[in-house]
Amino acid sequence: RSVPYYHEALKLSVDFALSHLADGDKVIDLGSSTANTLISLYTQSLVDLRLIGIDNSIFMIEQAQKKIRAYDADIELIHG
């Protein structure tokens, strides 16, 4: 339940992705969990991205949906 340096790894991943993404690009997060990466991309991106999260846990999808609604983010979630 605890990942060492999780927040640092998330920041590095998001910063790297944002430096390579352009308007209209699609990001698919496999194993999106509670959508932290996608929400970070959504809140920090200066371009319009299509964000999709896929997770095999319905509980994680439900938690992610709550967070996405709180941010009023345009993120698609798929249970699979």
N, C-alpha and C. Protein backbone atom coordinates (compact mmCIF):
# COMPACT_ATOMS: atom_id res chain seq x y z
N ARG A 1 0.81 -1.20 0.00
CA ARG A 1 0.00 0.00 0.00
C ARG A 1 0.85 1.26 0.00
N SER A 2 2.11 1.11 0.26
CA SER A 2 3.00 2.26 0.26
C SER A 2 4.12 2.03 -0.76
N VAL A 3 4.26 2.94 -1.67
CA VAL A 3 5.29 2.84 -2.69
C VAL A 3 6.35 3.89 -2.39
N PRO A 4 7.59 3.46 -2.14
CA PRO A 4 8.65 4.44 -1.86
C PRO A 4 8.80 5.44 -3.00
N TYR A 5 8.91 6.70 -2.65
CA TYR A 5 9.11 7.79 -3.61
C TYR A 5 7.99 7.89 -4.65
N TYR A 6 6.78 7.51 -4.26
CA TYR A 6 5.65 7.53 -5.18
C TYR A 6 5.43 8.92 -5.78
N HIS A 7 5.38 9.94 -4.94
CA HIS A 7 5.09 11.29 -5.43
C HIS A 7 6.20 11.82 -6.34
N GLU A 8 7.45 11.48 -6.01
CA GLU A 8 8.55 11.90 -6.87
C GLU A 8 8.48 11.20 -8.23
N ALA A 9 8.17 9.89 -8.22
CA ALA A 9 8.05 9.15 -9.48
C ALA A 9 6.88 9.67 -10.31
N LEU A 10 5.77 9.99 -9.65
CA LEU A 10 4.61 10.54 -10.36
C LEU A 10 4.98 11.87 -11.01
N LYS A 11 5.64 12.74 -10.27
CA LYS A 11 6.03 14.03 -10.82
C LYS A 11 6.97 13.87 -12.01
N LEU A 12 7.96 13.00 -11.89
CA LEU A 12 8.88 12.76 -13.00
C LEU A 12 8.16 12.22 -14.23
N SER A 13 7.27 11.28 -14.02
CA SER A 13 6.52 10.68 -15.13
C SER A 13 5.66 11.71 -15.83
N VAL A 14 4.95 12.52 -15.05
CA VAL A 14 4.07 13.54 -15.63
C VAL A 14 4.89 14.60 -16.35
N ASP A 15 5.97 15.06 -15.73
CA ASP A 15 6.82 16.06 -16.39
C ASP A 15 7.38 15.53 -17.71
N PHE A 16 7.84 14.26 -17.72
CA PHE A 16 8.36 13.66 -18.94
C PHE A 16 7.28 13.58 -20.02
N ALA A 17 6.11 13.09 -19.62
CA ALA A 17 5.01 12.95 -20.59
C ALA A 17 4.62 14.31 -21.17
N LEU A 18 4.48 15.30 -20.32
CA LEU A 18 4.05 16.62 -20.78
C LEU A 18 5.07 17.24 -21.74
N SER A 19 6.33 16.90 -21.58
CA SER A 19 7.35 17.47 -22.48
C SER A 19 7.30 16.84 -23.87
N HIS A 20 6.54 15.74 -24.03
CA HIS A 20 6.47 15.05 -25.32
C HIS A 20 5.07 15.02 -25.94
N LEU A 21 4.09 15.55 -25.25
CA LEU A 21 2.71 15.48 -25.73
C LEU A 21 2.31 16.77 -26.43
N ALA A 22 1.46 16.60 -27.44
CA ALA A 22 0.96 17.75 -28.21
C ALA A 22 -0.56 17.75 -28.18
N ASP A 23 -1.13 18.85 -28.60
CA ASP A 23 -2.58 19.00 -28.63
C ASP A 23 -3.23 17.85 -29.38
N GLY A 24 -4.23 17.23 -28.76
CA GLY A 24 -4.97 16.15 -29.40
C GLY A 24 -4.40 14.76 -29.17
N ASP A 25 -3.24 14.66 -28.53
CA ASP A 25 -2.66 13.34 -28.27
C ASP A 25 -3.52 12.55 -27.29
N LYS A 26 -3.42 11.22 -27.41
CA LYS A 26 -4.15 10.32 -26.54
C LYS A 26 -3.18 9.66 -25.57
N VAL A 27 -3.54 9.64 -24.29
CA VAL A 27 -2.75 8.97 -23.26
C VAL A 27 -3.61 7.86 -22.67
N ILE A 28 -3.09 6.63 -22.71
CA ILE A 28 -3.78 5.50 -22.12
C ILE A 28 -2.94 5.01 -20.95
N ASP A 29 -3.52 5.03 -19.76
CA ASP A 29 -2.84 4.59 -18.55
C ASP A 29 -3.35 3.21 -18.18
N LEU A 30 -2.52 2.18 -18.43
CA LEU A 30 -2.90 0.82 -18.09
C LEU A 30 -2.60 0.58 -16.61
N GLY A 31 -3.59 0.10 -15.88
CA GLY A 31 -3.44 -0.05 -14.44
C GLY A 31 -3.52 1.31 -13.78
N SER A 32 -4.54 2.08 -14.17
CA SER A 32 -4.65 3.48 -13.77
C SER A 32 -4.98 3.69 -12.29
N SER A 33 -5.37 2.64 -11.59
CA SER A 33 -5.65 2.73 -10.16
C SER A 33 -6.67 3.83 -9.90
N THR A 34 -6.33 4.80 -9.05
CA THR A 34 -7.28 5.86 -8.72
C THR A 34 -7.06 7.11 -9.57
N ALA A 35 -6.38 6.95 -10.69
CA ALA A 35 -6.22 8.00 -11.73
C ALA A 35 -5.31 9.16 -11.33
N ASN A 36 -4.42 8.96 -10.38
CA ASN A 36 -3.53 10.06 -9.99
C ASN A 36 -2.71 10.60 -11.16
N THR A 37 -2.16 9.71 -11.97
CA THR A 37 -1.35 10.16 -13.10
C THR A 37 -2.19 10.94 -14.11
N LEU A 38 -3.36 10.42 -14.43
CA LEU A 38 -4.23 11.08 -15.40
C LEU A 38 -4.72 12.43 -14.88
N ILE A 39 -5.06 12.50 -13.61
CA ILE A 39 -5.51 13.77 -13.04
C ILE A 39 -4.36 14.78 -13.05
N SER A 40 -3.15 14.34 -12.74
CA SER A 40 -1.99 15.24 -12.80
C SER A 40 -1.76 15.75 -14.21
N LEU A 41 -1.88 14.85 -15.19
CA LEU A 41 -1.75 15.29 -16.59
C LEU A 41 -2.83 16.30 -16.94
N TYR A 42 -4.06 16.01 -16.52
CA TYR A 42 -5.19 16.90 -16.81
C TYR A 42 -4.97 18.30 -16.21
N THR A 43 -4.55 18.34 -14.96
CA THR A 43 -4.43 19.63 -14.27
C THR A 43 -3.19 20.42 -14.70
N GLN A 44 -2.17 19.74 -15.20
CA GLN A 44 -0.91 20.43 -15.53
C GLN A 44 -0.71 20.68 -17.02
N SER A 45 -1.49 20.02 -17.86
CA SER A 45 -1.28 20.14 -19.30
C SER A 45 -1.77 21.48 -19.83
N LEU A 46 -0.99 22.04 -20.73
CA LEU A 46 -1.38 23.28 -21.40
C LEU A 46 -2.02 23.00 -22.75
N VAL A 47 -2.10 21.72 -23.13
CA VAL A 47 -2.72 21.31 -24.39
C VAL A 47 -3.90 20.40 -24.09
N ASP A 48 -4.74 20.22 -25.10
CA ASP A 48 -5.92 19.36 -24.96
C ASP A 48 -5.52 17.92 -25.23
N LEU A 49 -5.67 17.06 -24.22
CA LEU A 49 -5.31 15.65 -24.34
C LEU A 49 -6.53 14.77 -24.18
N ARG A 50 -6.51 13.62 -24.82
CA ARG A 50 -7.54 12.60 -24.59
C ARG A 50 -6.96 11.62 -23.58
N LEU A 51 -7.53 11.59 -22.38
CA LEU A 51 -7.00 10.79 -21.29
C LEU A 51 -7.91 9.60 -21.00
N ILE A 52 -7.31 8.40 -20.99
CA ILE A 52 -8.07 7.18 -20.78
C ILE A 52 -7.35 6.33 -19.74
N GLY A 53 -8.09 5.88 -18.75
CA GLY A 53 -7.54 4.99 -17.74
C GLY A 53 -8.20 3.63 -17.81
N ILE A 54 -7.40 2.58 -17.71
CA ILE A 54 -7.90 1.21 -17.73
C ILE A 54 -7.41 0.50 -16.48
N ASP A 55 -8.33 -0.10 -15.75
CA ASP A 55 -7.95 -0.85 -14.56
C ASP A 55 -8.86 -2.07 -14.43
N ASN A 56 -8.32 -3.15 -13.87
CA ASN A 56 -9.11 -4.38 -13.73
C ASN A 56 -9.86 -4.46 -12.41
N SER A 57 -9.68 -3.46 -11.55
CA SER A 57 -10.37 -3.43 -10.26
C SER A 57 -11.53 -2.44 -10.30
N ILE A 58 -12.74 -2.95 -10.13
CA ILE A 58 -13.91 -2.05 -10.14
C ILE A 58 -13.84 -1.07 -8.97
N PHE A 59 -13.26 -1.48 -7.84
CA PHE A 59 -13.10 -0.58 -6.70
C PHE A 59 -12.21 0.61 -7.08
N MET A 60 -11.12 0.34 -7.77
CA MET A 60 -10.22 1.43 -8.20
C MET A 60 -10.92 2.35 -9.19
N ILE A 61 -11.68 1.79 -10.10
CA ILE A 61 -12.43 2.59 -11.07
C ILE A 61 -13.42 3.50 -10.33
N GLU A 62 -14.11 2.96 -9.35
CA GLU A 62 -15.08 3.75 -8.58
C GLU A 62 -14.39 4.89 -7.84
N GLN A 63 -13.25 4.61 -7.23
CA GLN A 63 -12.51 5.65 -6.52
C GLN A 63 -12.00 6.71 -7.50
N ALA A 64 -11.53 6.26 -8.65
CA ALA A 64 -11.05 7.19 -9.66
C ALA A 64 -12.18 8.10 -10.16
N GLN A 65 -13.36 7.52 -10.35
CA GLN A 65 -14.51 8.31 -10.81
C GLN A 65 -14.84 9.42 -9.82
N LYS A 66 -14.76 9.14 -8.54
CA LYS A 66 -15.02 10.17 -7.52
C LYS A 66 -14.02 11.31 -7.64
N LYS A 67 -12.74 10.97 -7.79
CA LYS A 67 -11.71 12.00 -7.90
C LYS A 67 -11.88 12.80 -9.19
N ILE A 68 -12.20 12.11 -10.27
CA ILE A 68 -12.37 12.79 -11.56
C ILE A 68 -13.53 13.77 -11.49
N ARG A 69 -14.62 13.37 -10.85
CA ARG A 69 -15.77 14.29 -10.67
C ARG A 69 -15.36 15.49 -9.83
N ALA A 70 -14.57 15.27 -8.79
CA ALA A 70 -14.14 16.37 -7.92
C ALA A 70 -13.31 17.41 -8.71
N TYR A 71 -12.54 16.95 -9.67
CA TYR A 71 -11.73 17.85 -10.50
C TYR A 71 -12.48 18.31 -11.74
N ASP A 72 -13.67 17.77 -11.96
CA ASP A 72 -14.43 18.04 -13.17
C ASP A 72 -13.56 17.80 -14.41
N ALA A 73 -12.81 16.70 -14.34
CA ALA A 73 -11.85 16.37 -15.39
C ALA A 73 -12.50 15.55 -16.50
N ASP A 74 -12.00 15.72 -17.70
CA ASP A 74 -12.47 14.97 -18.86
C ASP A 74 -11.55 13.76 -19.04
N ILE A 75 -11.82 12.71 -18.27
CA ILE A 75 -11.02 11.49 -18.29
C ILE A 75 -11.96 10.31 -18.43
N GLU A 76 -11.68 9.44 -19.38
CA GLU A 76 -12.50 8.25 -19.61
C GLU A 76 -11.89 7.08 -18.82
N LEU A 77 -12.74 6.31 -18.15
CA LEU A 77 -12.28 5.14 -17.42
C LEU A 77 -12.91 3.87 -17.99
N ILE A 78 -12.10 2.83 -18.07
CA ILE A 78 -12.56 1.55 -18.59
C ILE A 78 -12.20 0.46 -17.60
N HIS A 79 -13.18 -0.38 -17.26
CA HIS A 79 -12.92 -1.54 -16.41
C HIS A 79 -12.53 -2.68 -17.33
N GLY A 80 -11.31 -3.13 -17.21
CA GLY A 80 -10.86 -4.21 -18.09
C GLY A 80 -9.47 -4.67 -17.77
